[in-house]
C-alpha atoms as a PDB file:
ATOM      1  CA  MET A   1      74.911 113.937 161.460  1.00  0.00           C
ATOM      2  CA  GLN A   2      73.995 110.301 160.949  1.00  0.00           C
ATOM      3  CA  ILE A   3      71.622 109.892 163.890  1.00  0.00           C
ATOM      4  CA  THR A   4      67.852 109.417 163.399  1.00  0.00           C
ATOM      5  CA  ARG A   5      65.032 108.969 165.861  1.00  0.00           C
ATOM      6  CA  LEU A   6      65.101 105.244 165.090  1.00  0.00           C
ATOM      7  CA  ASP A   7      68.382 105.165 167.048  1.00  0.00           C
ATOM      8  CA  LEU A   8      66.463 106.285 170.144  1.00  0.00           C
ATOM      9  CA  ASP A   9      63.817 103.531 170.188  1.00  0.00           C
ATOM     10  CA  GLY A  10      63.368 101.769 173.478  1.00  0.00           C
ATOM     11  CA  THR A  11      64.068 104.585 175.904  1.00  0.00           C
ATOM     12  CA  GLY A  12      62.186 107.616 177.163  1.00  0.00           C
ATOM     13  CA  SER A  13      64.356 108.910 179.981  1.00  0.00           C
ATOM     14  CA  PRO A  14      66.743 111.902 179.672  1.00  0.00           C
ATOM     15  CA  GLU A  15      69.681 109.717 180.643  1.00  0.00           C
ATOM     16  CA  GLY A  16      68.708 106.930 178.230  1.00  0.00           C
ATOM     17  CA  LEU A  17      68.246 109.302 175.319  1.00  0.00           C
ATOM     18  CA  VAL A  18      71.563 111.038 175.831  1.00  0.00           C
ATOM     19  CA  THR A  19      73.343 107.687 176.154  1.00  0.00           C
ATOM     20  CA  LYS A  20      71.893 106.515 172.817  1.00  0.00           C
ATOM     21  CA  ILE A  21      72.717 109.826 171.106  1.00  0.00           C
ATOM     22  CA  LEU A  22      76.341 109.621 172.218  1.00  0.00           C
ATOM     23  CA  LYS A  23      76.516 106.004 171.026  1.00  0.00           C
ATOM     24  CA  ALA A  24      75.082 106.987 167.596  1.00  0.00           C
ATOM     25  CA  GLU A  25      77.341 110.040 167.347  1.00  0.00           C
ATOM     26  CA  PRO A  26      80.622 109.051 169.000  1.00  0.00           C
ATOM     27  CA  GLY A  27      82.472 111.996 167.503  1.00  0.00           C
ATOM     28  CA  LEU A  28      80.518 114.663 169.387  1.00  0.00           C
ATOM     29  CA  ALA A  29      82.756 117.160 171.117  1.00  0.00           C
ATOM     30  CA  PRO A  30      82.101 120.412 173.038  1.00  0.00           C
ATOM     31  CA  PRO A  31      80.356 122.594 172.187  1.00  0.00           C
ATOM     32  CA  VAL A  32      77.724 120.059 171.220  1.00  0.00           C
ATOM     33  CA  PRO A  33      76.036 121.238 167.972  1.00  0.00           C
ATOM     34  CA  ILE A  34      72.542 121.290 169.501  1.00  0.00           C
ATOM     35  CA  GLU A  35      70.860 122.897 166.480  1.00  0.00           C
ATOM     36  CA  ALA A  36      72.268 120.356 164.076  1.00  0.00           C
ATOM     37  CA  LEU A  37      71.280 117.582 166.421  1.00  0.00           C
ATOM     38  CA  ALA A  38      67.716 118.930 166.633  1.00  0.00           C
ATOM     39  CA  ALA A  39      67.542 119.023 162.824  1.00  0.00           C
ATOM     40  CA  ALA A  40      68.737 115.426 162.555  1.00  0.00           C
ATOM     41  CA  LEU A  41      65.972 114.444 165.003  1.00  0.00           C
ATOM     42  CA  ASP A  42      63.118 115.977 163.008  1.00  0.00           C
ATOM     43  CA  ILE A  43      63.007 119.533 164.302  1.00  0.00           C
ATOM     44  CA  ILE A  44      62.358 121.236 160.987  1.00  0.00           C
ATOM     45  CA  GLU A  45      62.743 124.832 162.160  1.00  0.00           C
ATOM     46  CA  ILE A  46      64.063 126.971 164.994  1.00  0.00           C
ATOM     47  CA  ARG A  47      62.709 130.451 165.070  1.00  0.00           C
ATOM     48  CA  GLU A  48      62.158 133.415 167.376  1.00  0.00           C
ATOM     49  CA  LEU A  49      59.576 133.458 170.157  1.00  0.00           C
ATOM     50  CA  GLU A  50      57.962 136.761 170.920  1.00  0.00           C
ATOM     51  CA  ALA A  51      55.547 135.702 173.652  1.00  0.00           C
ATOM     52  CA  GLU A  52      56.429 137.885 176.668  1.00  0.00           C
ATOM     53  CA  GLY A  53      57.538 136.036 179.795  1.00  0.00           C
ATOM     54  CA  PHE A  54      58.493 132.778 178.067  1.00  0.00           C
ATOM     55  CA  GLU A  55      61.840 131.314 177.065  1.00  0.00           C
ATOM     56  CA  GLY A  56      60.830 128.629 174.647  1.00  0.00           C
ATOM     57  CA  SER A  57      58.048 126.753 172.929  1.00  0.00           C
ATOM     58  CA  LEU A  58      57.605 123.502 171.001  1.00  0.00           C
ATOM     59  CA  LEU A  59      55.057 122.991 168.278  1.00  0.00           C
ATOM     60  CA  MET A  60      54.522 119.561 166.726  1.00  0.00           C
ATOM     61  CA  ASP A  61      52.023 117.759 164.532  1.00  0.00           C
ATOM     62  CA  ALA A  62      49.445 115.321 165.808  1.00  0.00           C
ATOM     63  CA  HIS A  63      51.682 112.284 165.099  1.00  0.00           C
ATOM     64  CA  ARG A  64      54.766 113.877 166.651  1.00  0.00           C
ATOM     65  CA  SER A  65      56.629 113.273 163.404  1.00  0.00           C
ATOM     66  CA  ARG A  66      58.018 116.801 163.087  1.00  0.00           C
ATOM     67  CA  GLY A  67      58.527 119.721 165.414  1.00  0.00           C
ATOM     68  CA  VAL A  68      59.265 123.454 165.484  1.00  0.00           C
ATOM     69  CA  ILE A  69      61.200 125.058 168.344  1.00  0.00           C
ATOM     70  CA  LEU A  70      60.760 128.740 169.232  1.00  0.00           C
ATOM     71  CA  VAL A  71      63.320 130.569 171.383  1.00  0.00           C
ATOM     72  CA  ASN A  72      63.132 133.896 173.158  1.00  0.00           C
ATOM     73  CA  LYS A  73      64.581 136.362 170.679  1.00  0.00           C
ATOM     74  CA  LEU A  74      66.466 138.174 173.461  1.00  0.00           C
ATOM     75  CA  ALA A  75      68.153 135.076 174.859  1.00  0.00           C
ATOM     76  CA  ARG A  76      71.972 135.044 175.026  1.00  0.00           C
ATOM     77  CA  ALA A  77      73.851 132.258 173.332  1.00  0.00           C
ATOM     78  CA  GLY A  78      74.166 129.935 176.321  1.00  0.00           C
ATOM     79  CA  ARG A  79      70.557 130.413 177.354  1.00  0.00           C
ATOM     80  CA  ARG A  80      69.401 129.905 173.735  1.00  0.00           C
ATOM     81  CA  ARG A  81      71.271 126.599 173.508  1.00  0.00           C
ATOM     82  CA  PHE A  82      69.756 125.388 176.746  1.00  0.00           C
ATOM     83  CA  THR A  83      66.267 126.347 175.588  1.00  0.00           C
ATOM     84  CA  ILE A  84      66.715 124.413 172.356  1.00  0.00           C
ATOM     85  CA  GLY A  85      67.916 121.428 174.377  1.00  0.00           C
ATOM     86  CA  HIS A  86      64.961 121.739 176.738  1.00  0.00           C
ATOM     87  CA  GLU A  87      62.368 121.830 173.972  1.00  0.00           C
ATOM     88  CA  LEU A  88      64.113 118.987 172.101  1.00  0.00           C
ATOM     89  CA  GLY A  89      63.782 117.012 175.334  1.00  0.00           C
ATOM     90  CA  HIS A  90      60.035 117.572 175.309  1.00  0.00           C
ATOM     91  CA  PHE A  91      59.927 116.408 171.717  1.00  0.00           C
ATOM     92  CA  LEU A  92      61.958 113.225 172.254  1.00  0.00           C
ATOM     93  CA  ILE A  93      60.470 112.018 175.534  1.00  0.00           C
ATOM     94  CA  PRO A  94      57.332 110.081 174.457  1.00  0.00           C
ATOM     95  CA  MET A  95      55.370 110.654 177.677  1.00  0.00           C
ATOM     96  CA  HIS A  96      55.590 114.441 177.439  1.00  0.00           C
ATOM     97  CA  ARG A  97      52.323 116.013 176.367  1.00  0.00           C
ATOM     98  CA  PRO A  98      51.350 119.694 176.405  1.00  0.00           C
ATOM     99  CA  VAL A  99      49.173 120.532 179.384  1.00  0.00           C
ATOM    100  CA  LYS A 100      47.265 123.243 177.474  1.00  0.00           C
ATOM    101  CA  ASN A 101      46.405 123.515 173.803  1.00  0.00           C
ATOM    102  CA  ASP A 102      48.787 121.852 171.323  1.00  0.00           C
ATOM    103  CA  ALA A 103      52.134 123.389 172.281  1.00  0.00           C
ATOM    104  CA  PHE A 104      54.640 123.461 175.087  1.00  0.00           C
ATOM    105  CA  LEU A 105      55.246 127.006 176.341  1.00  0.00           C
ATOM    106  CA  CYS A 106      58.054 127.191 178.875  1.00  0.00           C
ATOM    107  CA  SER A 107      59.025 130.030 181.191  1.00  0.00           C
ATOM    108  CA  ARG A 108      62.408 130.897 182.753  1.00  0.00           C
ATOM    109  CA  ASP A 109      61.120 129.379 186.036  1.00  0.00           C
ATOM    110  CA  ASP A 110      60.297 126.172 184.231  1.00  0.00           C
ATOM    111  CA  MET A 111      63.882 125.951 183.066  1.00  0.00           C
ATOM    112  CA  ARG A 112      65.151 126.188 186.658  1.00  0.00           C
ATOM    113  CA  LEU A 113      63.163 123.248 187.964  1.00  0.00           C
ATOM    114  CA  TRP A 114      65.375 120.339 189.115  1.00  0.00           C
ATOM    115  CA  SER A 115      62.894 118.612 191.411  1.00  0.00           C
ATOM    116  CA  ALA A 116      59.143 118.082 191.372  1.00  0.00           C
ATOM    117  CA  ALA A 117      56.359 116.689 193.471  1.00  0.00           C
ATOM    118  CA  GLU A 118      55.450 113.155 192.425  1.00  0.00           C
ATOM    119  CA  GLN A 119      51.846 114.151 191.730  1.00  0.00           C
ATOM    120  CA  ASN A 120      52.718 117.240 189.633  1.00  0.00           C
ATOM    121  CA  ALA A 121      52.913 115.941 186.060  1.00  0.00           C
ATOM    122  CA  TYR A 122      53.727 119.381 184.617  1.00  0.00           C
ATOM    123  CA  GLU A 123      56.722 119.945 186.849  1.00  0.00           C
ATOM    124  CA  ARG A 124      57.989 116.411 186.280  1.00  0.00           C
ATOM    125  CA  MET A 125      58.041 117.053 182.514  1.00  0.00           C
ATOM    126  CA  GLU A 126      59.922 120.348 182.966  1.00  0.00           C
ATOM    127  CA  VAL A 127      62.483 118.641 185.248  1.00  0.00           C
ATOM    128  CA  GLU A 128      63.064 115.895 182.692  1.00  0.00           C
ATOM    129  CA  ALA A 129      63.429 118.390 179.852  1.00  0.00           C
ATOM    130  CA  ASN A 130      65.981 120.316 181.939  1.00  0.00           C
ATOM    131  CA  LYS A 131      67.919 117.157 182.713  1.00  0.00           C
ATOM    132  CA  PHE A 132      68.022 116.239 179.052  1.00  0.00           C
ATOM    133  CA  ALA A 133      69.289 119.735 178.088  1.00  0.00           C
ATOM    134  CA  ALA A 134      71.990 119.747 180.726  1.00  0.00           C
ATOM    135  CA  LEU A 135      73.162 116.222 179.963  1.00  0.00           C
ATOM    136  CA  MET A 136      73.151 116.828 176.199  1.00  0.00           C
ATOM    137  CA  LEU A 137      75.052 120.108 176.351  1.00  0.00           C
ATOM    138  CA  MET A 138      77.524 118.873 178.971  1.00  0.00           C
ATOM    139  CA  PRO A 139      77.607 115.066 178.576  1.00  0.00           C
ATOM    140  CA  PRO A 140      79.318 113.475 181.591  1.00  0.00           C
ATOM    141  CA  PRO A 141      81.609 111.331 179.397  1.00  0.00           C
ATOM    142  CA  LEU A 142      82.927 114.577 177.936  1.00  0.00           C
ATOM    143  CA  LEU A 143      82.729 116.763 181.062  1.00  0.00           C
ATOM    144  CA  ARG A 144      84.475 114.446 183.569  1.00  0.00           C
ATOM    145  CA  PRO A 145      87.792 114.153 181.688  1.00  0.00           C
ATOM    146  CA  TYR A 146      87.573 117.868 180.933  1.00  0.00           C
ATOM    147  CA  LEU A 147      87.362 118.682 184.641  1.00  0.00           C
ATOM    148  CA  SER A 148      90.194 116.332 185.559  1.00  0.00           C
ATOM    149  CA  ARG A 149      92.563 118.676 183.761  1.00  0.00           C
ATOM    150  CA  TYR A 150      91.974 121.553 186.163  1.00  0.00           C
ATOM    151  CA  GLY A 151      92.442 120.087 189.642  1.00  0.00           C
ATOM    152  CA  ASP A 152      90.978 121.655 192.753  1.00  0.00           C
ATOM    153  CA  PRO A 153      87.759 123.700 192.804  1.00  0.00           C
ATOM    154  CA  ASN A 154      88.020 127.143 191.292  1.00  0.00           C
ATOM    155  CA  ILE A 155      85.446 129.471 189.759  1.00  0.00           C
ATOM    156  CA  ALA A 156      87.844 129.924 186.850  1.00  0.00           C
ATOM    157  CA  THR A 157      86.906 126.373 185.738  1.00  0.00           C
ATOM    158  CA  VAL A 158      83.200 127.297 185.747  1.00  0.00           C
ATOM    159  CA  LEU A 159      84.058 130.074 183.313  1.00  0.00           C
ATOM    160  CA  ARG A 160      85.951 127.611 181.162  1.00  0.00           C
ATOM    161  CA  ILE A 161      82.887 125.308 181.014  1.00  0.00           C
ATOM    162  CA  HIS A 162      80.759 128.366 180.183  1.00  0.00           C
ATOM    163  CA  LYS A 163      83.068 129.216 177.251  1.00  0.00           C
ATOM    164  CA  ASP A 164      84.086 125.811 175.933  1.00  0.00           C
ATOM    165  CA  PHE A 165      80.655 124.073 176.197  1.00  0.00           C
ATOM    166  CA  GLU A 166      78.801 127.285 175.243  1.00  0.00           C
ATOM    167  CA  VAL A 167      76.363 127.188 178.160  1.00  0.00           C
ATOM    168  CA  SER A 168      75.263 129.851 180.642  1.00  0.00           C
ATOM    169  CA  LYS A 169      77.337 130.462 183.731  1.00  0.00           C
ATOM    170  CA  ASP A 170      74.412 129.195 185.799  1.00  0.00           C
ATOM    171  CA  ALA A 171      74.290 125.893 183.911  1.00  0.00           C
ATOM    172  CA  ALA A 172      78.071 125.608 184.118  1.00  0.00           C
ATOM    173  CA  ALA A 173      78.023 126.159 187.872  1.00  0.00           C
ATOM    174  CA  ARG A 174      75.409 123.488 188.447  1.00  0.00           C
ATOM    175  CA  ALA A 175      77.283 120.915 186.336  1.00  0.00           C
ATOM    176  CA  TYR A 176      80.507 121.772 188.162  1.00  0.00           C
ATOM    177  CA  THR A 177      79.036 120.891 191.556  1.00  0.00           C
ATOM    178  CA  LEU A 178      77.679 117.595 190.205  1.00  0.00           C
ATOM    179  CA  TYR A 179      80.800 116.294 188.487  1.00  0.00           C
ATOM    180  CA  HIS A 180      83.835 117.838 190.106  1.00  0.00           C
ATOM    181  CA  GLY A 181      83.969 115.347 193.005  1.00  0.00           C
ATOM    182  CA  GLU A 182      84.664 117.744 195.905  1.00  0.00           C
ATOM    183  CA  PRO A 183      81.757 118.610 198.262  1.00  0.00           C
ATOM    184  CA  ILE A 184      81.417 122.145 196.923  1.00  0.00           C
ATOM    185  CA  THR A 185      78.424 124.453 196.771  1.00  0.00           C
ATOM    186  CA  MET A 186      77.938 127.112 194.090  1.00  0.00           C
ATOM    187  CA  ILE A 187      75.699 130.021 195.055  1.00  0.00           C
ATOM    188  CA  VAL A 188      74.105 132.575 192.749  1.00  0.00           C
ATOM    189  CA  VAL A 189      73.840 135.934 194.551  1.00  0.00           C
ATOM    190  CA  HIS A 190      71.890 139.004 193.547  1.00  0.00           C
ATOM    191  CA  GLU A 191      72.214 142.324 195.388  1.00  0.00           C
ATOM    192  CA  GLY A 192      73.557 140.596 198.467  1.00  0.00           C
ATOM    193  CA  LYS A 193      70.895 137.885 198.685  1.00  0.00           C
ATOM    194  CA  VAL A 194      71.037 134.168 197.898  1.00  0.00           C
ATOM    195  CA  LEU A 195      69.100 133.660 194.689  1.00  0.00           C
ATOM    196  CA  ARG A 196      69.714 129.897 194.350  1.00  0.00           C
ATOM    197  CA  SER A 197      72.392 127.357 195.138  1.00  0.00           C
ATOM    198  CA  TYR A 198      73.750 124.107 193.688  1.00  0.00           C
ATOM    199  CA  ARG A 199      75.119 121.659 196.216  1.00  0.00           C
ATOM    200  CA  ALA A 200      77.247 118.588 195.586  1.00  0.00           C
ATOM    201  CA  LEU A 201      75.882 115.347 197.002  1.00  0.00           C
ATOM    202  CA  LYS A 202      78.215 115.281 200.012  1.00  0.00           C
ATOM    203  CA  ALA A 203      78.280 119.031 200.584  1.00  0.00           C
ATOM    204  CA  PRO A 204      77.011 120.259 203.977  1.00  0.00           C
ATOM    205  CA  ARG A 205      73.646 122.006 204.081  1.00  0.00           C
ATOM    206  CA  LEU A 206      73.496 125.776 204.080  1.00  0.00           C
ATOM    207  CA  SER A 207      72.048 127.681 207.013  1.00  0.00           C
ATOM    208  CA  VAL A 208      71.307 130.625 204.680  1.00  0.00           C
ATOM    209  CA  GLU A 209      68.058 130.004 202.827  1.00  0.00           C
ATOM    210  CA  GLN A 210      67.021 131.208 199.410  1.00  0.00           C
ATOM    211  CA  GLY A 211      66.325 134.915 199.717  1.00  0.00           C
ATOM    212  CA  GLY A 212      68.569 135.199 202.783  1.00  0.00           C
ATOM    213  CA  LEU A 213      71.340 137.738 203.111  1.00  0.00           C
ATOM    214  CA  VAL A 214      74.887 136.703 202.395  1.00  0.00           C
ATOM    215  CA  PRO A 215      76.743 136.652 205.800  1.00  0.00           C
ATOM    216  CA  ARG A 216      78.430 139.967 206.508  1.00  0.00           C
ATOM    217  CA  SER A 217      81.739 138.235 207.204  1.00  0.00           C
ATOM    218  CA  CYS A 218      81.728 136.782 203.651  1.00  0.00           C
ATOM    219  CA  ILE A 219      84.319 137.735 201.062  1.00  0.00           C
ATOM    220  CA  TYR A 220      81.401 138.906 198.905  1.00  0.00           C
ATOM    221  CA  TRP A 221      81.051 142.145 200.831  1.00  0.00           C
ATOM    222  CA  ARG A 222      84.764 142.961 200.881  1.00  0.00           C
ATOM    223  CA  THR A 223      85.243 142.481 197.149  1.00  0.00           C
ATOM    224  CA  ARG A 224      82.266 144.386 195.685  1.00  0.00           C
ATOM    225  CA  GLY A 225      83.509 146.297 192.707  1.00  0.00           C
ATOM    226  CA  LEU A 226      86.177 143.736 191.959  1.00  0.00           C
ATOM    227  CA  THR A 227      85.814 142.437 188.406  1.00  0.00           C
ATOM    228  CA  ALA A 228      88.286 139.561 188.614  1.00  0.00           C
ATOM    229  CA  ILE A 229      87.827 136.290 190.418  1.00  0.00           C
ATOM    230  CA  SER A 230      88.791 136.692 194.085  1.00  0.00           C
ATOM    231  CA  GLN A 231      91.451 134.627 195.784  1.00  0.00           C
ATOM    232  CA  LEU A 232      90.339 131.690 197.888  1.00  0.00           C
ATOM    233  CA  GLU A 233      89.864 132.797 201.496  1.00  0.00           C
ATOM    234  CA  GLU A 234      89.030 131.023 204.715  1.00  0.00           C
ATOM    235  CA  ALA A 235      85.455 131.630 205.805  1.00  0.00           C
ATOM    236  CA  SER A 236      83.363 131.189 208.900  1.00  0.00           C
ATOM    237  CA  SER A 237      81.573 127.852 208.657  1.00  0.00           C
ATOM    238  CA  ASP A 238      79.268 128.951 211.505  1.00  0.00           C
ATOM    239  CA  GLN A 239      77.888 131.732 209.289  1.00  0.00           C
ATOM    240  CA  TRP A 240      77.223 129.477 206.296  1.00  0.00           C
ATOM    241  CA  LEU A 241      76.599 125.923 207.395  1.00  0.00           C
ATOM    242  CA  ILE A 242      74.073 124.069 209.523  1.00  0.00           C
ATOM    243  CA  SER A 243      75.956 122.645 212.437  1.00  0.00           C
ATOM    244  CA  GLU A 244      75.592 118.972 213.325  1.00  0.00           C
ATOM    245  CA  TRP A 245      75.363 117.941 216.962  1.00  0.00           C
ATOM    246  CA  GLY A 246      78.546 116.341 218.243  1.00  0.00           C
ATOM    247  CA  LYS A 247      80.518 117.093 215.064  1.00  0.00           C
ATOM    248  CA  ARG A 248      83.179 119.731 214.637  1.00  0.00           C
ATOM    249  CA  PRO A 249      82.274 122.043 211.717  1.00  0.00           C
ATOM    250  CA  PRO A 250      84.619 121.724 208.722  1.00  0.00           C
ATOM    251  CA  ALA A 251      87.138 124.324 207.750  1.00  0.00           C
ATOM    252  CA  LEU A 252      85.512 126.367 204.999  1.00  0.00           C
ATOM    253  CA  TYR A 253      86.932 128.320 202.075  1.00  0.00           C
ATOM    254  CA  GLU A 254      85.134 130.723 199.775  1.00  0.00           C
ATOM    255  CA  GLN A 255      85.699 132.428 196.444  1.00  0.00           C
ATOM    256  CA  VAL A 256      83.595 134.921 194.556  1.00  0.00           C
ATOM    257  CA  LEU A 257      83.139 136.416 191.084  1.00  0.00           C
ATOM    258  CA  HIS A 258      81.138 139.612 190.819  1.00  0.00           C
ATOM    259  CA  GLN A 259      79.180 140.010 187.597  1.00  0.00           C
ATOM    260  CA  GLN A 260      77.030 142.618 185.943  1.00  0.00           C
ATOM    261  CA  GLU A 261      73.710 143.984 187.257  1.00  0.00           C
ATOM    262  CA  GLY A 262      74.389 143.057 190.869  1.00  0.00           C
ATOM    263  CA  TYR A 263      74.906 139.355 190.284  1.00  0.00           C
ATOM    264  CA  ALA A 264      77.724 137.256 191.729  1.00  0.00           C
ATOM    265  CA  LEU A 265      78.809 133.632 191.726  1.00  0.00           C
ATOM    266  CA  LEU A 266      80.121 132.361 195.033  1.00  0.00           C
ATOM    267  CA  MET A 267      81.834 129.050 195.758  1.00  0.00           C
ATOM    268  CA  LEU A 268      82.057 127.320 199.146  1.00  0.00           C
ATOM    269  CA  TRP A 269      84.589 124.515 199.624  1.00  0.00           C
ATOM    270  CA  PRO A 270      84.602 122.706 202.973  1.00  0.00           C
ATOM    271  CA  GLU A 271      87.484 120.652 204.293  1.00  0.00           C
ATOM    272  CA  PHE A 272      86.432 117.760 206.563  1.00  0.00           C
ATOM    273  CA  GLU A 273      88.634 116.160 209.172  1.00  0.00           C
ATOM    274  CA  GLU A 274      90.073 112.796 208.246  1.00  0.00           C
ATOM    275  CA  GLU A 275      88.206 109.911 209.904  1.00  0.00           C
ATOM    276  CA  ASP A 276      91.412 107.929 210.216  1.00  0.00           C
ATOM    277  CA  ASP A 277      93.471 109.775 212.826  1.00  0.00           C
ATOM    278  CA  GLU A 278      96.454 107.447 212.776  1.00  0.00           C
ATOM    279  CA  PHE A 279      98.175 109.949 210.456  1.00  0.00           C
ATOM    280  CA  ASP A 280      96.987 113.456 209.815  1.00  0.00           C
ATOM    281  CA  PRO A 281      99.405 115.560 207.718  1.00  0.00           C
ATOM    282  CA  ASP A 282      97.547 118.728 208.808  1.00  0.00           C
ATOM    283  CA  ALA A 283      97.537 117.974 212.521  1.00  0.00           C
ATOM    284  CA  ASP A 284     100.405 120.326 213.334  1.00  0.00           C
ATOM    285  CA  ARG A 285      99.579 122.960 210.766  1.00  0.00           C
ATOM    286  CA  THR A 286      97.799 126.218 211.493  1.00  0.00           C
ATOM    287  CA  ALA A 287      94.701 127.388 209.658  1.00  0.00           C
ATOM    288  CA  LYS A 288      96.930 129.973 207.910  1.00  0.00           C
ATOM    289  CA  GLN A 289      99.272 127.257 206.658  1.00  0.00           C
ATOM    290  CA  ARG A 290      96.372 125.146 205.397  1.00  0.00           C
ATOM    291  CA  LEU A 291      94.904 128.170 203.613  1.00  0.00           C
ATOM    292  CA  SER A 292      98.290 128.938 202.011  1.00  0.00           C
ATOM    293  CA  ASP A 293      98.412 125.405 200.636  1.00  0.00           C
ATOM    294  CA  ARG A 294      94.908 125.646 199.273  1.00  0.00           C
ATOM    295  CA  LEU A 295      95.671 128.981 197.634  1.00  0.00           C
ATOM    296  CA  ALA A 296      98.685 127.457 195.900  1.00  0.00           C
ATOM    297  CA  ARG A 297      96.655 124.485 194.676  1.00  0.00           C
ATOM    298  CA  SER A 298      93.737 126.689 193.606  1.00  0.00           C
ATOM    299  CA  TRP A 299      96.019 129.111 191.746  1.00  0.00           C
ATOM    300  CA  HIS A 300      97.645 126.172 189.911  1.00  0.00           C
ATOM    301  CA  GLY A 301      94.154 124.960 188.874  1.00  0.00           C
ATOM    302  CA  ARG A 302      93.486 128.252 187.116  1.00  0.00           C
ATOM    303  CA  TYR A 303      96.113 127.692 184.437  1.00  0.00           C
END
């Protein structure tokens, strides 16, 4: 790699840093070689972290001229790459300073922070490091054209991102909601309860809170034991979404992938009524016909 830290002068935000990195290395393609990038930017070593309960750590000298990244020795490949990106973010963002001692020591919870209270400096640093890692591993200029090849929302595309960009399924699901364009929500479920969710900007709010039970009418319960991605099915929007006064709830479709150890990834895809009612191609179609059309489009997007 030709990039040096001199190429990053003048910016300290995750977005600004990634923009300058992509400009300096226009040939980057997925999967982004995060370890080689870290080495080019003065991370002199990446080694195992054995501190229990932590995913990563960053050590650096007093002048911030060199750094060492430590990664949980049990981390899977996608998680390891995200951790390296996270710690590299701490190293490159000038305003980031360890809260205790001379090292950053980051937990799994730290690496799931995507918002922070304005007055909480620690959380703000963790959020920025997460943003840098996500943007660097799945740069929007690479991810958007990639997604355009696969059409309508489908969990199969999340698995493609997971494989081709070498990120965790969780990271892939979050990026998918942000950049697909449809108002989808991806939900991580564990043992029948909502663990966390990622919602597109225009997606309706969920009525099921974190820790809440997945609605009994959901496809999740009828497909337990299935190892393949389920078909897209019509769902009850009343069970999932917060209703808005005076507005008809959207038609809702759901899809699920059961995973190991009681985990599952669930996708919700709402269909809103057209505001312009001069011509509505679905006006005379039944819910069954609309679902059939979506199934056909979704199936096409898997291949």
